[in-house]
PDB file of N, CA and C in Angstrom:
ATOM      1  N   ASN A   1     -43.647  43.334   2.253  1.00  0.00           N
ATOM      2  CA  ASN A   1     -42.773  43.697   3.354  1.00  0.00           C
ATOM      3  C   ASN A   1     -41.334  43.706   2.842  1.00  0.00           C
ATOM      4  N   GLU A   2     -40.602  44.768   3.107  1.00  0.00           N
ATOM      5  CA  GLU A   2     -39.250  44.908   2.598  1.00  0.00           C
ATOM      6  C   GLU A   2     -38.318  43.860   3.175  1.00  0.00           C
ATOM      7  N   ASN A   3     -38.472  43.517   4.443  1.00  0.00           N
ATOM      8  CA  ASN A   3     -37.613  42.522   5.045  1.00  0.00           C
ATOM      9  C   ASN A   3     -37.756  41.163   4.363  1.00  0.00           C
ATOM     10  N   GLU A   4     -38.972  40.765   4.022  1.00  0.00           N
ATOM     11  CA  GLU A   4     -39.177  39.511   3.333  1.00  0.00           C
ATOM     12  C   GLU A   4     -38.515  39.537   1.961  1.00  0.00           C
ATOM     13  N   GLU A   5     -38.654  40.622   1.266  1.00  0.00           N
ATOM     14  CA  GLU A   5     -38.082  40.721  -0.077  1.00  0.00           C
ATOM     15  C   GLU A   5     -36.557  40.705  -0.015  1.00  0.00           C
ATOM     16  N   SER A   6     -35.972  41.348   0.976  1.00  0.00           N
ATOM     17  CA  SER A   6     -34.531  41.403   1.082  1.00  0.00           C
ATOM     18  C   SER A   6     -33.951  40.046   1.441  1.00  0.00           C
ATOM     19  N   ARG A   7     -34.720  39.186   2.109  1.00  0.00           N
ATOM     20  CA  ARG A   7     -34.264  37.846   2.446  1.00  0.00           C
ATOM     21  C   ARG A   7     -34.515  36.896   1.286  1.00  0.00           C
ATOM     22  N   GLY A   8     -35.157  37.348   0.267  1.00  0.00           N
ATOM     23  CA  GLY A   8     -35.432  36.522  -0.891  1.00  0.00           C
ATOM     24  C   GLY A   8     -36.715  35.711  -0.789  1.00  0.00           C
ATOM     25  N   ALA A   9     -37.527  35.964   0.214  1.00  0.00           N
ATOM     26  CA  ALA A   9     -38.784  35.242   0.360  1.00  0.00           C
ATOM     27  C   ALA A   9     -39.752  35.690  -0.727  1.00  0.00           C
ATOM     28  N   LYS A  10     -40.410  34.720  -1.328  1.00  0.00           N
ATOM     29  CA  LYS A  10     -41.403  35.048  -2.367  1.00  0.00           C
ATOM     30  C   LYS A  10     -42.776  34.754  -1.801  1.00  0.00           C
ATOM     31  N   ARG A  11     -43.661  35.731  -1.905  1.00  0.00           N
ATOM     32  CA  ARG A  11     -45.024  35.509  -1.441  1.00  0.00           C
ATOM     33  C   ARG A  11     -45.772  34.700  -2.517  1.00  0.00           C
ATOM     34  N   LYS A  12     -46.512  33.712  -2.057  1.00  0.00           N
ATOM     35  CA  LYS A  12     -47.297  32.901  -2.968  1.00  0.00           C
ATOM     36  C   LYS A  12     -48.658  33.559  -3.136  1.00  0.00           C
ATOM     37  N   LEU A  13     -48.797  34.297  -4.233  1.00  0.00           N
ATOM     38  CA  LEU A  13     -49.985  35.127  -4.460  1.00  0.00           C
ATOM     39  C   LEU A  13     -51.175  34.313  -4.947  1.00  0.00           C
ATOM     40  N   VAL A  14     -52.349  34.893  -4.828  1.00  0.00           N
ATOM     41  CA  VAL A  14     -53.573  34.294  -5.305  1.00  0.00           C
ATOM     42  C   VAL A  14     -53.632  34.529  -6.821  1.00  0.00           C
ATOM     43  N   HIS A  15     -53.664  33.454  -7.596  1.00  0.00           N
ATOM     44  CA  HIS A  15     -53.736  33.580  -9.045  1.00  0.00           C
ATOM     45  C   HIS A  15     -55.125  34.040  -9.467  1.00  0.00           C
ATOM     46  N   GLU A  16     -55.180  34.895 -10.444  1.00  0.00           N
ATOM     47  CA  GLU A  16     -56.441  35.480 -10.924  1.00  0.00           C
ATOM     48  C   GLU A  16     -57.466  34.412 -11.313  1.00  0.00           C
ATOM     49  N   SER A  17     -56.997  33.285 -11.824  1.00  0.00           N
ATOM     50  CA  SER A  17     -57.920  32.224 -12.245  1.00  0.00           C
ATOM     51  C   SER A  17     -58.640  31.578 -11.058  1.00  0.00           C
ATOM     52  N   MET A  18     -58.151  31.790  -9.846  1.00  0.00           N
ATOM     53  CA  MET A  18     -58.785  31.221  -8.649  1.00  0.00           C
ATOM     54  C   MET A  18     -59.908  32.084  -8.096  1.00  0.00           C
ATOM     55  N   ILE A  19     -59.967  33.345  -8.521  1.00  0.00           N
ATOM     56  CA  ILE A  19     -60.910  34.290  -7.936  1.00  0.00           C
ATOM     57  C   ILE A  19     -62.390  33.847  -8.050  1.00  0.00           C
ATOM     58  N   PRO A  20     -62.868  33.409  -9.234  1.00  0.00           N
ATOM     59  CA  PRO A  20     -64.283  32.998  -9.307  1.00  0.00           C
ATOM     60  C   PRO A  20     -64.601  31.871  -8.317  1.00  0.00           C
ATOM     61  N   PHE A  21     -63.720  30.913  -8.189  1.00  0.00           N
ATOM     62  CA  PHE A  21     -63.912  29.807  -7.240  1.00  0.00           C
ATOM     63  C   PHE A  21     -63.981  30.340  -5.807  1.00  0.00           C
ATOM     64  N   ILE A  22     -63.065  31.242  -5.479  1.00  0.00           N
ATOM     65  CA  ILE A  22     -63.015  31.845  -4.134  1.00  0.00           C
ATOM     66  C   ILE A  22     -64.320  32.612  -3.862  1.00  0.00           C
ATOM     67  N   ILE A  23     -64.770  33.395  -4.841  1.00  0.00           N
ATOM     68  CA  ILE A  23     -66.011  34.172  -4.685  1.00  0.00           C
ATOM     69  C   ILE A  23     -67.177  33.226  -4.367  1.00  0.00           C
ATOM     70  N   GLN A  24     -67.290  32.137  -5.115  1.00  0.00           N
ATOM     71  CA  GLN A  24     -68.389  31.201  -4.887  1.00  0.00           C
ATOM     72  C   GLN A  24     -68.345  30.592  -3.504  1.00  0.00           C
ATOM     73  N   LYS A  25     -67.165  30.302  -3.003  1.00  0.00           N
ATOM     74  CA  LYS A  25     -67.032  29.685  -1.682  1.00  0.00           C
ATOM     75  C   LYS A  25     -67.216  30.673  -0.556  1.00  0.00           C
ATOM     76  N   VAL A  26     -66.796  31.923  -0.752  1.00  0.00           N
ATOM     77  CA  VAL A  26     -66.813  32.934   0.308  1.00  0.00           C
ATOM     78  C   VAL A  26     -68.170  33.589   0.456  1.00  0.00           C
ATOM     79  N   HIS A  27     -68.825  33.950  -0.669  1.00  0.00           N
ATOM     80  CA  HIS A  27     -70.071  34.710  -0.629  1.00  0.00           C
ATOM     81  C   HIS A  27     -71.152  33.953   0.140  1.00  0.00           C
ATOM     82  N   GLY A  28     -71.576  34.531   1.256  1.00  0.00           N
ATOM     83  CA  GLY A  28     -72.619  33.921   2.074  1.00  0.00           C
ATOM     84  C   GLY A  28     -72.111  32.977   3.150  1.00  0.00           C
ATOM     85  N   SER A  29     -70.804  32.717   3.152  1.00  0.00           N
ATOM     86  CA  SER A  29     -70.268  31.792   4.153  1.00  0.00           C
ATOM     87  C   SER A  29     -70.316  32.414   5.563  1.00  0.00           C
ATOM     88  N   ARG A  30     -70.624  31.583   6.545  1.00  0.00           N
ATOM     89  CA  ARG A  30     -70.652  32.054   7.923  1.00  0.00           C
ATOM     90  C   ARG A  30     -69.414  31.590   8.687  1.00  0.00           C
ATOM     91  N   ARG A  31     -68.475  30.988   7.980  1.00  0.00           N
ATOM     92  CA  ARG A  31     -67.271  30.461   8.632  1.00  0.00           C
ATOM     93  C   ARG A  31     -66.298  31.569   8.996  1.00  0.00           C
ATOM     94  N   LYS A  32     -65.523  31.325  10.045  1.00  0.00           N
ATOM     95  CA  LYS A  32     -64.455  32.262  10.446  1.00  0.00           C
ATOM     96  C   LYS A  32     -63.411  32.288   9.341  1.00  0.00           C
ATOM     97  N   LEU A  33     -62.699  33.384   9.265  1.00  0.00           N
ATOM     98  CA  LEU A  33     -61.709  33.572   8.203  1.00  0.00           C
ATOM     99  C   LEU A  33     -60.679  32.440   8.181  1.00  0.00           C
ATOM    100  N   THR A  34     -60.146  32.058   9.335  1.00  0.00           N
ATOM    101  CA  THR A  34     -59.105  31.022   9.355  1.00  0.00           C
ATOM    102  C   THR A  34     -59.628  29.687   8.842  1.00  0.00           C
ATOM    103  N   LYS A  35     -60.848  29.343   9.224  1.00  0.00           N
ATOM    104  CA  LYS A  35     -61.469  28.077   8.772  1.00  0.00           C
ATOM    105  C   LYS A  35     -61.714  28.140   7.259  1.00  0.00           C
ATOM    106  N   LEU A  36     -62.183  29.276   6.804  1.00  0.00           N
ATOM    107  CA  LEU A  36     -62.460  29.480   5.385  1.00  0.00           C
ATOM    108  C   LEU A  36     -61.174  29.343   4.555  1.00  0.00           C
ATOM    109  N   VAL A  37     -60.109  29.971   5.048  1.00  0.00           N
ATOM    110  CA  VAL A  37     -58.816  29.896   4.346  1.00  0.00           C
ATOM    111  C   VAL A  37     -58.356  28.443   4.258  1.00  0.00           C
ATOM    112  N   ASN A  38     -58.397  27.728   5.375  1.00  0.00           N
ATOM    113  CA  ASN A  38     -57.960  26.329   5.370  1.00  0.00           C
ATOM    114  C   ASN A  38     -58.777  25.459   4.429  1.00  0.00           C
ATOM    115  N   GLU A  39     -60.090  25.652   4.411  1.00  0.00           N
ATOM    116  CA  GLU A  39     -60.943  24.875   3.515  1.00  0.00           C
ATOM    117  C   GLU A  39     -60.660  25.216   2.057  1.00  0.00           C
ATOM    118  N   LEU A  40     -60.471  26.501   1.767  1.00  0.00           N
ATOM    119  CA  LEU A  40     -60.160  26.903   0.397  1.00  0.00           C
ATOM    120  C   LEU A  40     -58.840  26.305  -0.070  1.00  0.00           C
ATOM    121  N   LEU A  41     -57.830  26.317   0.782  1.00  0.00           N
ATOM    122  CA  LEU A  41     -56.539  25.765   0.400  1.00  0.00           C
ATOM    123  C   LEU A  41     -56.649  24.295   0.075  1.00  0.00           C
ATOM    124  N   GLU A  42     -57.455  23.570   0.829  1.00  0.00           N
ATOM    125  CA  GLU A  42     -57.658  22.139   0.554  1.00  0.00           C
ATOM    126  C   GLU A  42     -58.301  21.945  -0.831  1.00  0.00           C
ATOM    127  N   GLU A  43     -59.233  22.813  -1.174  1.00  0.00           N
ATOM    128  CA  GLU A  43     -59.968  22.665  -2.429  1.00  0.00           C
ATOM    129  C   GLU A  43     -59.213  23.261  -3.611  1.00  0.00           C
ATOM    130  N   LEU A  44     -58.332  24.218  -3.372  1.00  0.00           N
ATOM    131  CA  LEU A  44     -57.643  24.916  -4.481  1.00  0.00           C
ATOM    132  C   LEU A  44     -56.456  24.156  -5.018  1.00  0.00           C
ATOM    133  N   HIS A  45     -56.054  23.045  -4.398  1.00  0.00           N
ATOM    134  CA  HIS A  45     -54.837  22.353  -4.844  1.00  0.00           C
ATOM    135  C   HIS A  45     -54.901  21.942  -6.310  1.00  0.00           C
ATOM    136  N   GLU A  46     -56.093  21.769  -6.860  1.00  0.00           N
ATOM    137  CA  GLU A  46     -56.192  21.376  -8.264  1.00  0.00           C
ATOM    138  C   GLU A  46     -56.228  22.564  -9.219  1.00  0.00           C
ATOM    139  N   HIS A  47     -56.159  23.796  -8.693  1.00  0.00           N
ATOM    140  CA  HIS A  47     -56.221  24.984  -9.550  1.00  0.00           C
ATOM    141  C   HIS A  47     -54.845  25.582  -9.819  1.00  0.00           C
ATOM    142  N   GLY A  48     -53.791  24.867  -9.465  1.00  0.00           N
ATOM    143  CA  GLY A  48     -52.446  25.397  -9.691  1.00  0.00           C
ATOM    144  C   GLY A  48     -51.714  25.600  -8.377  1.00  0.00           C
ATOM    145  N   PRO A  49     -50.605  26.340  -8.433  1.00  0.00           N
ATOM    146  CA  PRO A  49     -49.812  26.563  -7.224  1.00  0.00           C
ATOM    147  C   PRO A  49     -50.669  27.274  -6.138  1.00  0.00           C
ATOM    148  N   LEU A  50     -50.556  26.748  -4.936  1.00  0.00           N
ATOM    149  CA  LEU A  50     -51.356  27.314  -3.829  1.00  0.00           C
ATOM    150  C   LEU A  50     -50.815  28.636  -3.349  1.00  0.00           C
ATOM    151  N   PRO A  51     -51.713  29.580  -3.055  1.00  0.00           N
ATOM    152  CA  PRO A  51     -51.275  30.837  -2.433  1.00  0.00           C
ATOM    153  C   PRO A  51     -50.955  30.569  -0.967  1.00  0.00           C
ATOM    154  N   SER A  52     -50.232  31.486  -0.352  1.00  0.00           N
ATOM    155  CA  SER A  52     -49.989  31.348   1.084  1.00  0.00           C
ATOM    156  C   SER A  52     -51.281  31.658   1.834  1.00  0.00           C
ATOM    157  N   LYS A  53     -51.349  31.191   3.071  1.00  0.00           N
ATOM    158  CA  LYS A  53     -52.541  31.473   3.903  1.00  0.00           C
ATOM    159  C   LYS A  53     -52.740  32.980   4.030  1.00  0.00           C
ATOM    160  N   ARG A  54     -51.665  33.690   4.246  1.00  0.00           N
ATOM    161  CA  ARG A  54     -51.737  35.134   4.439  1.00  0.00           C
ATOM    162  C   ARG A  54     -52.273  35.835   3.192  1.00  0.00           C
ATOM    163  N   CYS A  55     -51.764  35.457   2.038  1.00  0.00           N
ATOM    164  CA  CYS A  55     -52.223  36.083   0.786  1.00  0.00           C
ATOM    165  C   CYS A  55     -53.702  35.755   0.515  1.00  0.00           C
ATOM    166  N   LEU A  56     -54.114  34.531   0.819  1.00  0.00           N
ATOM    167  CA  LEU A  56     -55.497  34.131   0.605  1.00  0.00           C
ATOM    168  C   LEU A  56     -56.407  34.921   1.556  1.00  0.00           C
ATOM    169  N   ALA A  57     -56.013  35.029   2.817  1.00  0.00           N
ATOM    170  CA  ALA A  57     -56.800  35.797   3.782  1.00  0.00           C
ATOM    171  C   ALA A  57     -56.895  37.262   3.363  1.00  0.00           C
ATOM    172  N   ASP A  58     -55.783  37.823   2.912  1.00  0.00           N
ATOM    173  CA  ASP A  58     -55.782  39.209   2.456  1.00  0.00           C
ATOM    174  C   ASP A  58     -56.720  39.388   1.254  1.00  0.00           C
ATOM    175  N   LYS A  59     -56.714  38.444   0.328  1.00  0.00           N
ATOM    176  CA  LYS A  59     -57.562  38.521  -0.857  1.00  0.00           C
ATOM    177  C   LYS A  59     -59.046  38.444  -0.449  1.00  0.00           C
ATOM    178  N   ILE A  60     -59.372  37.581   0.496  1.00  0.00           N
ATOM    179  CA  ILE A  60     -60.752  37.483   0.963  1.00  0.00           C
ATOM    180  C   ILE A  60     -61.202  38.797   1.564  1.00  0.00           C
ATOM    181  N   ARG A  61     -60.343  39.393   2.399  1.00  0.00           N
ATOM    182  CA  ARG A  61     -60.671  40.701   3.007  1.00  0.00           C
ATOM    183  C   ARG A  61     -60.760  41.815   1.963  1.00  0.00           C
ATOM    184  N   GLU A  62     -60.027  41.657   0.871  1.00  0.00           N
ATOM    185  CA  GLU A  62     -60.070  42.654  -0.209  1.00  0.00           C
ATOM    186  C   GLU A  62     -61.367  42.595  -0.996  1.00  0.00           C
ATOM    187  N   ILE A  63     -61.857  41.392  -1.257  1.00  0.00           N
ATOM    188  CA  ILE A  63     -63.036  41.243  -2.126  1.00  0.00           C
ATOM    189  C   ILE A  63     -64.344  41.141  -1.375  1.00  0.00           C
ATOM    190  N   ALA A  64     -64.294  40.893  -0.057  1.00  0.00           N
ATOM    191  CA  ALA A  64     -65.514  40.658   0.718  1.00  0.00           C
ATOM    192  C   ALA A  64     -65.410  41.319   2.073  1.00  0.00           C
ATOM    193  N   SER A  65     -66.579  41.474   2.702  1.00  0.00           N
ATOM    194  CA  SER A  65     -66.620  41.994   4.060  1.00  0.00           C
ATOM    195  C   SER A  65     -67.479  41.110   4.936  1.00  0.00           C
ATOM    196  N   TRP A  66     -67.139  41.033   6.202  1.00  0.00           N
ATOM    197  CA  TRP A  66     -67.905  40.278   7.202  1.00  0.00           C
ATOM    198  C   TRP A  66     -68.978  41.217   7.684  1.00  0.00           C
ATOM    199  N   THR A  67     -70.217  40.984   7.319  1.00  0.00           N
ATOM    200  CA  THR A  67     -71.258  41.957   7.603  1.00  0.00           C
ATOM    201  C   THR A  67     -72.564  41.279   7.988  1.00  0.00           C
ATOM    202  N   HIS A  68     -73.445  42.045   8.632  1.00  0.00           N
ATOM    203  CA  HIS A  68     -74.749  41.557   9.004  1.00  0.00           C
ATOM    204  C   HIS A  68     -75.696  41.728   7.848  1.00  0.00           C
ATOM    205  N   ILE A  69     -76.376  40.665   7.442  1.00  0.00           N
ATOM    206  CA  ILE A  69     -77.340  40.725   6.347  1.00  0.00           C
ATOM    207  C   ILE A  69     -78.717  40.694   7.001  1.00  0.00           C
ATOM    208  N   THR A  70     -79.407  41.818   6.948  1.00  0.00           N
ATOM    209  CA  THR A  70     -80.711  41.961   7.618  1.00  0.00           C
ATOM    210  C   THR A  70     -81.713  40.943   7.130  1.00  0.00           C
ATOM    211  N   GLU A  71     -81.768  40.695   5.839  1.00  0.00           N
ATOM    212  CA  GLU A  71     -82.770  39.797   5.282  1.00  0.00           C
ATOM    213  C   GLU A  71     -82.673  38.369   5.849  1.00  0.00           C
ATOM    214  N   ILE A  72     -81.489  37.950   6.218  1.00  0.00           N
ATOM    215  CA  ILE A  72     -81.339  36.597   6.735  1.00  0.00           C
ATOM    216  C   ILE A  72     -81.008  36.565   8.207  1.00  0.00           C
ATOM    217  N   GLY A  73     -80.784  37.730   8.794  1.00  0.00           N
ATOM    218  CA  GLY A  73     -80.663  37.837  10.252  1.00  0.00           C
ATOM    219  C   GLY A  73     -79.360  37.370  10.866  1.00  0.00           C
ATOM    220  N   HIS A  74     -78.302  37.328  10.108  1.00  0.00           N
ATOM    221  CA  HIS A  74     -77.017  36.952  10.707  1.00  0.00           C
ATOM    222  C   HIS A  74     -75.865  37.550   9.915  1.00  0.00           C
ATOM    223  N   ARG A  75     -74.658  37.389  10.476  1.00  0.00           N
ATOM    224  CA  ARG A  75     -73.454  37.875   9.783  1.00  0.00           C
ATOM    225  C   ARG A  75     -72.915  36.809   8.865  1.00  0.00           C
ATOM    226  N   CYS A  76     -72.359  37.262   7.764  1.00  0.00           N
ATOM    227  CA  CYS A  76     -71.706  36.339   6.826  1.00  0.00           C
ATOM    228  C   CYS A  76     -70.758  37.150   5.951  1.00  0.00           C
ATOM    229  N   TRP A  77     -69.996  36.444   5.140  1.00  0.00           N
ATOM    230  CA  TRP A  77     -69.100  37.110   4.188  1.00  0.00           C
ATOM    231  C   TRP A  77     -69.940  37.549   2.994  1.00  0.00           C
ATOM    232  N   TYR A  78     -69.779  38.820   2.617  1.00  0.00           N
ATOM    233  CA  TYR A  78     -70.496  39.393   1.486  1.00  0.00           C
ATOM    234  C   TYR A  78     -69.478  39.906   0.476  1.00  0.00           C
ATOM    235  N   VAL A  79     -69.417  39.232  -0.684  1.00  0.00           N
ATOM    236  CA  VAL A  79     -68.475  39.647  -1.740  1.00  0.00           C
ATOM    237  C   VAL A  79     -69.057  40.882  -2.402  1.00  0.00           C
ATOM    238  N   LYS A  80     -68.217  41.909  -2.544  1.00  0.00           N
ATOM    239  CA  LYS A  80     -68.662  43.167  -3.133  1.00  0.00           C
ATOM    240  C   LYS A  80     -69.260  42.940  -4.526  1.00  0.00           C
ATOM    241  N   GLU A  81     -70.334  43.694  -4.786  1.00  0.00           N
ATOM    242  CA  GLU A  81     -71.062  43.504  -6.049  1.00  0.00           C
ATOM    243  C   GLU A  81     -70.173  43.736  -7.248  1.00  0.00           C
ATOM    244  N   GLU A  82     -69.328  44.773  -7.208  1.00  0.00           N
ATOM    245  CA  GLU A  82     -68.453  45.052  -8.366  1.00  0.00           C
ATOM    246  C   GLU A  82     -67.463  43.910  -8.642  1.00  0.00           C
ATOM    247  N   VAL A  83     -67.041  43.223  -7.598  1.00  0.00           N
ATOM    248  CA  VAL A  83     -66.143  42.056  -7.766  1.00  0.00           C
ATOM    249  C   VAL A  83     -66.911  40.917  -8.417  1.00  0.00           C
ATOM    250  N   ARG A  84     -68.144  40.697  -7.965  1.00  0.00           N
ATOM    251  CA  ARG A  84     -68.965  39.633  -8.562  1.00  0.00           C
ATOM    252  C   ARG A  84     -69.261  39.945 -10.036  1.00  0.00           C
ATOM    253  N   GLN A  85     -69.535  41.217 -10.347  1.00  0.00           N
ATOM    254  CA  GLN A  85     -69.799  41.627 -11.726  1.00  0.00           C
ATOM    255  C   GLN A  85     -68.581  41.382 -12.614  1.00  0.00           C
ATOM    256  N   THR A  86     -67.413  41.763 -12.111  1.00  0.00           N
ATOM    257  CA  THR A  86     -66.172  41.581 -12.875  1.00  0.00           C
ATOM    258  C   THR A  86     -65.969  40.132 -13.266  1.00  0.00           C
ATOM    259  N   HIS A  87     -66.368  39.215 -12.409  1.00  0.00           N
ATOM    260  CA  HIS A  87     -66.148  37.789 -12.649  1.00  0.00           C
ATOM    261  C   HIS A  87     -67.403  37.048 -13.122  1.00  0.00           C
ATOM    262  N   GLY A  88     -68.437  37.821 -13.513  1.00  0.00           N
ATOM    263  CA  GLY A  88     -69.641  37.222 -14.079  1.00  0.00           C
ATOM    264  C   GLY A  88     -70.435  36.390 -13.104  1.00  0.00           C
ATOM    265  N   LEU A  89     -70.396  36.780 -11.826  1.00  0.00           N
ATOM    266  CA  LEU A  89     -71.108  36.011 -10.799  1.00  0.00           C
ATOM    267  C   LEU A  89     -72.163  36.865 -10.083  1.00  0.00           C
ATOM    268  N   THR A  90     -72.874  37.692 -10.846  1.00  0.00           N
ATOM    269  CA  THR A  90     -73.878  38.594 -10.256  1.00  0.00           C
ATOM    270  C   THR A  90     -75.104  37.835  -9.770  1.00  0.00           C
ATOM    271  N   ASP A  91     -75.305  36.620 -10.280  1.00  0.00           N
ATOM    272  CA  ASP A  91     -76.489  35.867  -9.879  1.00  0.00           C
ATOM    273  C   ASP A  91     -76.298  35.075  -8.590  1.00  0.00           C
ATOM    274  N   LEU A  92     -75.130  35.180  -7.960  1.00  0.00           N
ATOM    275  CA  LEU A  92     -74.892  34.468  -6.717  1.00  0.00           C
ATOM    276  C   LEU A  92     -75.870  34.970  -5.651  1.00  0.00           C
ATOM    277  N   ASN A  93     -76.435  34.078  -4.947  1.00  0.00           N
ATOM    278  CA  ASN A  93     -77.429  34.361  -3.928  1.00  0.00           C
ATOM    279  C   ASN A  93     -76.880  33.986  -2.567  1.00  0.00           C
ATOM    280  N   ILE A  94     -76.994  34.874  -1.595  1.00  0.00           N
ATOM    281  CA  ILE A  94     -76.474  34.599  -0.241  1.00  0.00           C
ATOM    282  C   ILE A  94     -77.061  33.289   0.291  1.00  0.00           C
ATOM    283  N   GLN A  95     -78.347  33.104   0.181  1.00  0.00           N
ATOM    284  CA  GLN A  95     -78.969  31.913   0.776  1.00  0.00           C
ATOM    285  C   GLN A  95     -78.543  30.636   0.079  1.00  0.00           C
ATOM    286  N   SER A  96     -78.229  30.711  -1.201  1.00  0.00           N
ATOM    287  CA  SER A  96     -77.770  29.494  -1.866  1.00  0.00           C
ATOM    288  C   SER A  96     -76.334  29.161  -1.486  1.00  0.00           C
ATOM    289  N   SER A  97     -75.640  30.136  -0.885  1.00  0.00           N
ATOM    290  CA  SER A  97     -74.258  29.909  -0.463  1.00  0.00           C
ATOM    291  C   SER A  97     -74.159  29.418   0.958  1.00  0.00           C
ATOM    292  N   LEU A  98     -75.266  29.426   1.696  1.00  0.00           N
ATOM    293  CA  LEU A  98     -75.214  29.069   3.117  1.00  0.00           C
ATOM    294  C   LEU A  98     -75.083  27.574   3.312  1.00  0.00           C
ATOM    295  N   PRO A  99     -74.206  27.182   4.274  1.00  0.00           N
ATOM    296  CA  PRO A  99     -74.148  25.760   4.617  1.00  0.00           C
ATOM    297  C   PRO A  99     -75.364  25.399   5.452  1.00  0.00           C
ATOM    298  N   PRO A 100     -75.714  24.125   5.552  1.00  0.00           N
ATOM    299  CA  PRO A 100     -76.839  23.771   6.386  1.00  0.00           C
ATOM    300  C   PRO A 100     -76.588  24.109   7.848  1.00  0.00           C
ATOM    301  N   PRO A 101     -77.588  24.491   8.608  1.00  0.00           N
ATOM    302  CA  PRO A 101     -77.370  24.868   9.991  1.00  0.00           C
ATOM    303  C   PRO A 101     -76.856  23.685  10.809  1.00  0.00           C
ATOM    304  N   THR A 102     -75.991  24.002  11.761  1.00  0.00           N
ATOM    305  CA  THR A 102     -75.471  22.953  12.649  1.00  0.00           C
ATOM    306  C   THR A 102     -75.912  23.226  14.070  1.00  0.00           C
ATOM    307  N   THR A 103     -76.047  22.193  14.822  1.00  0.00           N
ATOM    308  CA  THR A 103     -76.438  22.385  16.227  1.00  0.00           C
ATOM    309  C   THR A 103     -75.180  22.489  17.058  1.00  0.00           C
ATOM    310  N   PRO A 104     -75.153  23.407  18.037  1.00  0.00           N
ATOM    311  CA  PRO A 104     -73.932  23.593  18.848  1.00  0.00           C
ATOM    312  C   PRO A 104     -73.661  22.416  19.769  1.00  0.00           C
TER     313      PRO A 104
END
């Protein structure tokens, strides 16, 4: 955004070294984007400078889509195959990424 840049605001971007960790946490997750972002920020503090919530949410939307997976019968985050290949995570399985079911 030009206004942010003109005021001198610096966006805290997602560092490339964080991407494999993000892929592992996002792929197959059934959590809402805001909850996912907050959880990732808590866990990413040991990986270097934290990205902003906005940048992290944008990165998740860039690498994954919220979609219905017919085989498992519900919607979840699905990280694009080419992104997983780029980061050597082609063996990630949706079902292995799922949290245990919770009762409402």
